[in-house]
């Protein structure tokens, strides 16, 4: 599976997911696009223990 990164347009109105290769990134970066973190709406939900929440069973 190829590595993917997110890039944002120079105007800030578009985010694309592209392969993390020089062939895919170079044309975009030379036109002013820049790499950004994974958008929040695309991040998978973290399990409860990763969020620092404790799970307590009621008995």
N, C-alpha and C. Protein backbone atom coordinates (compact mmCIF):
# COMPACT_ATOMS: atom_id res chain seq x y z
N UNK A 1 0.85 -1.19 0.00
CA UNK A 1 0.00 0.00 0.00
C UNK A 1 0.89 1.25 0.00
N UNK A 2 0.66 2.17 -0.91
CA UNK A 2 1.51 3.37 -0.98
C UNK A 2 1.25 4.31 0.20
N UNK A 3 2.29 5.03 0.56
CA UNK A 3 2.16 6.06 1.60
C UNK A 3 1.40 7.23 1.00
N UNK A 4 0.48 7.78 1.77
CA UNK A 4 -0.31 8.91 1.31
C UNK A 4 -0.12 10.11 2.22
N UNK A 5 -0.18 11.30 1.65
CA UNK A 5 -0.11 12.54 2.42
C UNK A 5 -1.22 13.45 1.94
N UNK A 6 -1.52 14.47 2.72
CA UNK A 6 -2.54 15.45 2.38
C UNK A 6 -1.85 16.77 2.06
N UNK A 7 -2.29 17.40 0.99
CA UNK A 7 -1.76 18.71 0.61
C UNK A 7 -2.91 19.68 0.43
N UNK A 8 -2.64 20.94 0.74
CA UNK A 8 -3.66 22.00 0.66
C UNK A 8 -3.29 22.98 -0.44
N UNK A 9 -4.30 23.43 -1.16
CA UNK A 9 -4.08 24.37 -2.26
C UNK A 9 -3.56 25.71 -1.74
N UNK A 10 -2.93 26.50 -2.60
CA UNK A 10 -2.44 27.81 -2.19
C UNK A 10 -3.57 28.72 -1.69
N UNK A 11 -4.77 28.55 -2.23
CA UNK A 11 -5.91 29.37 -1.81
C UNK A 11 -6.51 28.87 -0.50
N UNK A 12 -6.16 27.63 -0.11
CA UNK A 12 -6.66 27.07 1.14
C UNK A 12 -8.06 26.50 1.05
N UNK A 13 -8.58 26.35 -0.17
CA UNK A 13 -9.96 25.89 -0.33
C UNK A 13 -10.07 24.43 -0.74
N UNK A 14 -8.96 23.75 -0.92
CA UNK A 14 -9.01 22.36 -1.38
C UNK A 14 -7.91 21.56 -0.70
N UNK A 15 -8.24 20.34 -0.28
CA UNK A 15 -7.26 19.41 0.27
C UNK A 15 -7.32 18.15 -0.57
N UNK A 16 -6.14 17.67 -0.99
CA UNK A 16 -6.04 16.44 -1.77
C UNK A 16 -5.22 15.42 -1.03
N UNK A 17 -5.56 14.16 -1.25
CA UNK A 17 -4.75 13.04 -0.76
C UNK A 17 -3.93 12.56 -1.95
N UNK A 18 -2.61 12.55 -1.81
CA UNK A 18 -1.74 12.14 -2.91
C UNK A 18 -0.68 11.17 -2.41
N UNK A 19 -0.12 10.39 -3.34
CA UNK A 19 0.96 9.49 -2.98
C UNK A 19 2.18 10.30 -2.56
N UNK A 20 2.89 9.79 -1.59
CA UNK A 20 4.08 10.47 -1.07
C UNK A 20 5.30 10.11 -1.91
N UNK A 21 5.24 10.49 -3.18
CA UNK A 21 6.37 10.26 -4.09
C UNK A 21 6.76 11.60 -4.71
N UNK A 22 8.00 11.67 -5.13
CA UNK A 22 8.48 12.90 -5.76
C UNK A 22 7.69 13.20 -7.03
N UNK A 23 7.34 12.16 -7.76
CA UNK A 23 6.60 12.34 -9.01
C UNK A 23 5.22 12.96 -8.77
N UNK A 24 4.57 12.58 -7.68
CA UNK A 24 3.24 13.11 -7.39
C UNK A 24 3.29 14.46 -6.68
N UNK A 25 4.26 14.64 -5.79
CA UNK A 25 4.30 15.85 -4.96
C UNK A 25 4.98 17.05 -5.64
N UNK A 26 6.02 16.80 -6.40
CA UNK A 26 6.79 17.91 -6.98
C UNK A 26 5.95 18.90 -7.78
N UNK A 27 5.08 18.43 -8.69
CA UNK A 27 4.28 19.41 -9.44
C UNK A 27 3.36 20.25 -8.54
N UNK A 28 2.79 19.62 -7.52
CA UNK A 28 1.90 20.36 -6.63
C UNK A 28 2.67 21.36 -5.77
N UNK A 29 3.79 20.91 -5.20
CA UNK A 29 4.57 21.80 -4.33
C UNK A 29 5.13 22.98 -5.11
N UNK A 30 5.50 22.76 -6.36
CA UNK A 30 6.04 23.87 -7.17
C UNK A 30 4.95 24.88 -7.53
N UNK A 31 3.68 24.47 -7.41
CA UNK A 31 2.57 25.38 -7.68
C UNK A 31 2.02 26.02 -6.41
N UNK A 32 2.68 25.79 -5.27
CA UNK A 32 2.27 26.44 -4.03
C UNK A 32 1.46 25.60 -3.06
N UNK A 33 1.18 24.35 -3.40
CA UNK A 33 0.49 23.47 -2.47
C UNK A 33 1.44 23.16 -1.33
N UNK A 34 0.91 22.83 -0.15
CA UNK A 34 1.76 22.47 0.98
C UNK A 34 1.12 21.34 1.77
N UNK A 35 2.00 20.55 2.42
CA UNK A 35 1.52 19.40 3.17
C UNK A 35 0.83 19.84 4.44
N UNK A 36 -0.26 19.15 4.79
CA UNK A 36 -1.02 19.44 6.00
C UNK A 36 -1.28 18.13 6.75
N UNK A 37 -1.61 18.21 8.05
CA UNK A 37 -1.96 17.00 8.79
C UNK A 37 -3.26 16.39 8.25
N UNK A 38 -3.51 15.15 8.61
CA UNK A 38 -4.74 14.49 8.21
C UNK A 38 -5.92 15.31 8.73
N UNK A 39 -6.88 15.65 7.86
CA UNK A 39 -8.04 16.42 8.32
C UNK A 39 -8.79 15.68 9.42
N UNK A 40 -9.31 16.42 10.40
CA UNK A 40 -9.97 15.83 11.56
C UNK A 40 -11.13 14.92 11.16
N UNK A 41 -11.87 15.30 10.12
CA UNK A 41 -13.01 14.48 9.72
C UNK A 41 -12.60 13.15 9.09
N UNK A 42 -11.31 13.00 8.76
CA UNK A 42 -10.83 11.75 8.17
C UNK A 42 -10.04 10.89 9.15
N UNK A 43 -9.74 11.43 10.33
CA UNK A 43 -9.00 10.66 11.32
C UNK A 43 -9.92 9.60 11.92
N UNK A 44 -9.41 8.38 12.10
CA UNK A 44 -10.24 7.36 12.74
C UNK A 44 -10.43 7.69 14.22
N UNK A 45 -11.55 7.29 14.76
CA UNK A 45 -11.82 7.53 16.18
C UNK A 45 -10.87 6.68 17.01
N UNK A 46 -10.29 7.28 18.01
CA UNK A 46 -9.35 6.57 18.88
C UNK A 46 -10.12 5.75 19.90
N UNK A 47 -9.61 4.56 20.24
CA UNK A 47 -10.24 3.77 21.30
C UNK A 47 -10.19 4.52 22.63
N UNK A 48 -11.05 4.15 23.55
CA UNK A 48 -11.18 4.85 24.83
C UNK A 48 -9.86 4.95 25.58
N UNK A 49 -9.07 3.86 25.61
CA UNK A 49 -7.82 3.93 26.38
C UNK A 49 -6.80 4.86 25.75
N UNK A 50 -6.85 5.05 24.43
CA UNK A 50 -5.93 5.99 23.80
C UNK A 50 -6.29 7.43 24.11
N UNK A 51 -7.53 7.69 24.41
CA UNK A 51 -7.96 9.04 24.76
C UNK A 51 -7.74 9.34 26.23
N UNK A 52 -7.24 8.35 26.98
CA UNK A 52 -7.00 8.54 28.40
C UNK A 52 -8.25 8.35 29.24
N UNK A 53 -9.26 7.72 28.67
CA UNK A 53 -10.49 7.49 29.41
C UNK A 53 -10.46 6.11 30.02
N UNK A 54 -10.94 6.00 31.19
CA UNK A 54 -10.99 4.70 31.87
C UNK A 54 -12.39 4.11 31.65
N UNK A 55 -12.41 2.81 31.49
CA UNK A 55 -13.68 2.11 31.35
C UNK A 55 -13.94 1.39 32.66
N UNK A 56 -15.11 1.60 33.22
CA UNK A 56 -15.43 1.01 34.51
C UNK A 56 -16.68 0.17 34.35
N UNK A 57 -16.59 -1.07 34.75
CA UNK A 57 -17.73 -1.96 34.66
C UNK A 57 -18.54 -1.86 35.94
N UNK A 58 -19.81 -1.75 35.80
CA UNK A 58 -20.70 -1.71 36.96
C UNK A 58 -21.19 -3.11 37.26
N UNK A 59 -20.99 -3.54 38.49
CA UNK A 59 -21.43 -4.90 38.87
C UNK A 59 -22.34 -4.84 40.07
